[in-house]
Amino acid sequence: MIKKLINKTKNKNFIIMIVIFLLLLQLFNFFLNLNYIKKNNYESRMINAYGYCEKYSYGFIKKVLNKYKKANFNLLNKKNLPPIKNMFLDDKFDNKSNFVIALNFKKKELEKKFPNLQIILNEEPCYLIKYD
């Protein structure tokens, strides 16, 4: 009699734990997030989170780093955001470089800031410039 009672309470506890576990999975959108990770590769998820040419401009910086592999760059973002250069494994960022990745700037603002600039890559409001 006692064994049957213990088994019933164990089964009830087990069922309650499974229901709570499934509710938590649903609450945190586990299945939806798992599908999103499965469908999208790492680069597209990073661009979706950090922007191509807005916010941190991860996509534009990645494009510049892939296109100009041998150059070093100075990174300048008009928006007051934490630096993104730590997200890239390559040590291509140097504050003394003549090449500047300018993010979230208008062209007139750049011309004021750097009088002798040469625009190498332009995807407004993101620029790769060289100045003397």
C-alpha atoms as a PDB file:
ATOM      1  CA  MET A   1       0.000   0.000   0.000  1.00  0.00           C
ATOM      2  CA  ILE A   2       2.773   2.446   0.929  1.00  0.00           C
ATOM      3  CA  LYS A   3       4.742   1.505  -2.204  1.00  0.00           C
ATOM      4  CA  LYS A   4       1.766   2.302  -4.421  1.00  0.00           C
ATOM      5  CA  LEU A   5       1.338   5.652  -2.719  1.00  0.00           C
ATOM      6  CA  ILE A   6       5.038   6.495  -3.157  1.00  0.00           C
ATOM      7  CA  ASN A   7       4.952   5.470  -6.819  1.00  0.00           C
ATOM      8  CA  LYS A   8       1.893   7.669  -7.441  1.00  0.00           C
ATOM      9  CA  THR A   9       3.547  10.714  -5.871  1.00  0.00           C
ATOM     10  CA  LYS A  10       6.763  10.089  -7.832  1.00  0.00           C
ATOM     11  CA  ASN A  11       4.793   9.864 -11.056  1.00  0.00           C
ATOM     12  CA  LYS A  12       2.889  13.051 -10.226  1.00  0.00           C
ATOM     13  CA  ASN A  13       6.124  14.896  -9.420  1.00  0.00           C
ATOM     14  CA  PHE A  14       7.727  13.627 -12.598  1.00  0.00           C
ATOM     15  CA  ILE A  15       4.760  14.729 -14.717  1.00  0.00           C
ATOM     16  CA  ILE A  16       4.702  18.137 -13.009  1.00  0.00           C
ATOM     17  CA  MET A  17       8.435  18.578 -13.663  1.00  0.00           C
ATOM     18  CA  ILE A  18       8.021  17.720 -17.346  1.00  0.00           C
ATOM     19  CA  VAL A  19       5.106  20.144 -17.720  1.00  0.00           C
ATOM     20  CA  ILE A  20       7.119  22.920 -16.031  1.00  0.00           C
ATOM     21  CA  PHE A  21      10.100  22.153 -18.262  1.00  0.00           C
ATOM     22  CA  LEU A  22       7.981  22.316 -21.435  1.00  0.00           C
ATOM     23  CA  LEU A  23       6.375  25.567 -20.285  1.00  0.00           C
ATOM     24  CA  LEU A  24       9.815  27.104 -19.738  1.00  0.00           C
ATOM     25  CA  LEU A  25      10.909  26.015 -23.207  1.00  0.00           C
ATOM     26  CA  GLN A  26       7.820  27.669 -24.647  1.00  0.00           C
ATOM     27  CA  LEU A  27       8.238  30.794 -22.508  1.00  0.00           C
ATOM     28  CA  PHE A  28      11.773  31.417 -23.793  1.00  0.00           C
ATOM     29  CA  ASN A  29      10.845  30.583 -27.424  1.00  0.00           C
ATOM     30  CA  PHE A  30      13.335  27.731 -27.440  1.00  0.00           C
ATOM     31  CA  PHE A  31      11.914  26.031 -30.518  1.00  0.00           C
ATOM     32  CA  LEU A  32      11.639  29.275 -32.487  1.00  0.00           C
ATOM     33  CA  ASN A  33      15.203  30.287 -31.570  1.00  0.00           C
ATOM     34  CA  LEU A  34      16.532  26.844 -32.449  1.00  0.00           C
ATOM     35  CA  ASN A  35      14.886  27.089 -35.870  1.00  0.00           C
ATOM     36  CA  TYR A  36      16.363  30.596 -36.383  1.00  0.00           C
ATOM     37  CA  ILE A  37      19.866  29.339 -35.563  1.00  0.00           C
ATOM     38  CA  LYS A  38      19.412  26.379 -37.875  1.00  0.00           C
ATOM     39  CA  LYS A  39      18.204  28.498 -40.824  1.00  0.00           C
ATOM     40  CA  ASN A  40      20.679  31.410 -40.625  1.00  0.00           C
ATOM     41  CA  ASN A  41      24.445  31.158 -40.674  1.00  0.00           C
ATOM     42  CA  TYR A  42      26.710  32.995 -38.239  1.00  0.00           C
ATOM     43  CA  GLU A  43      27.410  36.005 -40.484  1.00  0.00           C
ATOM     44  CA  SER A  44      23.754  36.721 -41.225  1.00  0.00           C
ATOM     45  CA  ARG A  45      22.880  36.470 -37.519  1.00  0.00           C
ATOM     46  CA  MET A  46      25.682  38.915 -36.656  1.00  0.00           C
ATOM     47  CA  ILE A  47      24.549  41.375 -39.339  1.00  0.00           C
ATOM     48  CA  ASN A  48      20.974  41.051 -38.130  1.00  0.00           C
ATOM     49  CA  ALA A  49      22.030  41.797 -34.541  1.00  0.00           C
ATOM     50  CA  TYR A  50      24.687  44.487 -35.142  1.00  0.00           C
ATOM     51  CA  GLY A  51      23.569  45.967 -38.478  1.00  0.00           C
ATOM     52  CA  TYR A  52      25.142  46.281 -41.899  1.00  0.00           C
ATOM     53  CA  CYS A  53      25.488  50.032 -42.123  1.00  0.00           C
ATOM     54  CA  GLU A  54      23.590  51.120 -39.030  1.00  0.00           C
ATOM     55  CA  LYS A  55      24.088  50.603 -35.297  1.00  0.00           C
ATOM     56  CA  TYR A  56      27.556  49.040 -34.985  1.00  0.00           C
ATOM     57  CA  SER A  57      27.901  48.457 -38.764  1.00  0.00           C
ATOM     58  CA  TYR A  58      29.271  44.943 -38.358  1.00  0.00           C
ATOM     59  CA  GLY A  59      28.518  43.993 -41.978  1.00  0.00           C
ATOM     60  CA  PHE A  60      30.327  46.972 -43.488  1.00  0.00           C
ATOM     61  CA  ILE A  61      33.410  46.477 -41.294  1.00  0.00           C
ATOM     62  CA  LYS A  62      33.500  42.774 -42.175  1.00  0.00           C
ATOM     63  CA  LYS A  63      33.256  43.638 -45.889  1.00  0.00           C
ATOM     64  CA  VAL A  64      36.154  46.110 -45.627  1.00  0.00           C
ATOM     65  CA  LEU A  65      38.319  43.663 -43.677  1.00  0.00           C
ATOM     66  CA  ASN A  66      37.689  40.929 -46.254  1.00  0.00           C
ATOM     67  CA  LYS A  67      38.322  43.218 -49.235  1.00  0.00           C
ATOM     68  CA  TYR A  68      41.473  44.966 -47.947  1.00  0.00           C
ATOM     69  CA  LYS A  69      43.276  42.230 -46.057  1.00  0.00           C
ATOM     70  CA  LYS A  70      46.735  43.801 -45.843  1.00  0.00           C
ATOM     71  CA  ALA A  71      45.827  47.283 -44.613  1.00  0.00           C
ATOM     72  CA  ASN A  72      45.327  48.521 -41.046  1.00  0.00           C
ATOM     73  CA  PHE A  73      42.367  50.727 -40.197  1.00  0.00           C
ATOM     74  CA  ASN A  74      41.309  53.338 -37.697  1.00  0.00           C
ATOM     75  CA  LEU A  75      37.699  52.876 -36.648  1.00  0.00           C
ATOM     76  CA  LEU A  76      35.534  55.949 -36.061  1.00  0.00           C
ATOM     77  CA  ASN A  77      31.850  55.753 -35.114  1.00  0.00           C
ATOM     78  CA  LYS A  78      29.751  58.899 -34.761  1.00  0.00           C
ATOM     79  CA  LYS A  79      27.273  57.166 -32.475  1.00  0.00           C
ATOM     80  CA  ASN A  80      28.336  56.835 -28.875  1.00  0.00           C
ATOM     81  CA  LEU A  81      28.513  53.025 -28.786  1.00  0.00           C
ATOM     82  CA  PRO A  82      31.016  50.624 -27.237  1.00  0.00           C
ATOM     83  CA  PRO A  83      33.865  49.740 -29.607  1.00  0.00           C
ATOM     84  CA  ILE A  84      33.138  46.855 -31.948  1.00  0.00           C
ATOM     85  CA  LYS A  85      36.730  46.136 -32.994  1.00  0.00           C
ATOM     86  CA  ASN A  86      37.039  43.503 -30.262  1.00  0.00           C
ATOM     87  CA  MET A  87      34.493  41.365 -32.114  1.00  0.00           C
ATOM     88  CA  PHE A  88      36.967  40.763 -34.938  1.00  0.00           C
ATOM     89  CA  LEU A  89      39.799  38.330 -34.437  1.00  0.00           C
ATOM     90  CA  ASP A  90      42.199  40.051 -36.842  1.00  0.00           C
ATOM     91  CA  ASP A  91      44.273  42.766 -35.318  1.00  0.00           C
ATOM     92  CA  LYS A  92      43.707  45.163 -38.224  1.00  0.00           C
ATOM     93  CA  PHE A  93      42.844  48.229 -36.165  1.00  0.00           C
ATOM     94  CA  ASP A  94      45.475  50.904 -35.548  1.00  0.00           C
ATOM     95  CA  ASN A  95      44.713  54.428 -34.340  1.00  0.00           C
ATOM     96  CA  LYS A  96      47.702  55.796 -36.294  1.00  0.00           C
ATOM     97  CA  SER A  97      46.557  54.487 -39.669  1.00  0.00           C
ATOM     98  CA  ASN A  98      45.674  56.821 -42.562  1.00  0.00           C
ATOM     99  CA  PHE A  99      42.790  54.544 -43.509  1.00  0.00           C
ATOM    100  CA  VAL A 100      39.622  55.261 -41.541  1.00  0.00           C
ATOM    101  CA  ILE A 101      36.409  53.285 -41.403  1.00  0.00           C
ATOM    102  CA  ALA A 102      33.910  56.063 -40.635  1.00  0.00           C
ATOM    103  CA  LEU A 103      30.525  54.842 -39.455  1.00  0.00           C
ATOM    104  CA  ASN A 104      27.239  56.740 -39.222  1.00  0.00           C
ATOM    105  CA  PHE A 105      28.663  59.986 -40.654  1.00  0.00           C
ATOM    106  CA  LYS A 106      27.308  62.251 -43.350  1.00  0.00           C
ATOM    107  CA  LYS A 107      29.663  63.152 -46.175  1.00  0.00           C
ATOM    108  CA  LYS A 108      29.779  66.855 -45.227  1.00  0.00           C
ATOM    109  CA  GLU A 109      30.740  66.001 -41.642  1.00  0.00           C
ATOM    110  CA  LEU A 110      33.604  63.856 -42.899  1.00  0.00           C
ATOM    111  CA  GLU A 111      34.842  66.580 -45.238  1.00  0.00           C
ATOM    112  CA  LYS A 112      34.942  68.986 -42.293  1.00  0.00           C
ATOM    113  CA  LYS A 113      36.750  66.540 -40.040  1.00  0.00           C
ATOM    114  CA  PHE A 114      39.245  65.358 -42.673  1.00  0.00           C
ATOM    115  CA  PRO A 115      39.927  68.183 -45.184  1.00  0.00           C
ATOM    116  CA  ASN A 116      42.143  66.142 -47.561  1.00  0.00           C
ATOM    117  CA  LEU A 117      40.159  62.948 -47.690  1.00  0.00           C
ATOM    118  CA  GLN A 118      39.863  60.418 -50.462  1.00  0.00           C
ATOM    119  CA  ILE A 119      36.758  58.220 -50.326  1.00  0.00           C
ATOM    120  CA  ILE A 120      37.670  54.645 -51.204  1.00  0.00           C
ATOM    121  CA  LEU A 121      34.394  52.904 -50.384  1.00  0.00           C
ATOM    122  CA  ASN A 122      31.046  54.629 -49.927  1.00  0.00           C
ATOM    123  CA  GLU A 123      27.895  53.010 -48.597  1.00  0.00           C
ATOM    124  CA  GLU A 124      26.278  55.987 -46.932  1.00  0.00           C
ATOM    125  CA  PRO A 125      26.427  56.476 -43.916  1.00  0.00           C
ATOM    126  CA  CYS A 126      29.487  54.169 -43.851  1.00  0.00           C
ATOM    127  CA  TYR A 127      32.739  55.144 -45.503  1.00  0.00           C
ATOM    128  CA  LEU A 128      36.240  53.874 -45.958  1.00  0.00           C
ATOM    129  CA  ILE A 129      38.461  56.897 -46.419  1.00  0.00           C
ATOM    130  CA  LYS A 130      42.110  57.704 -46.750  1.00  0.00           C
ATOM    131  CA  TYR A 131      43.438  61.036 -45.577  1.00  0.00           C
ATOM    132  CA  ASP A 132      46.843  62.707 -45.572  1.00  0.00           C
END
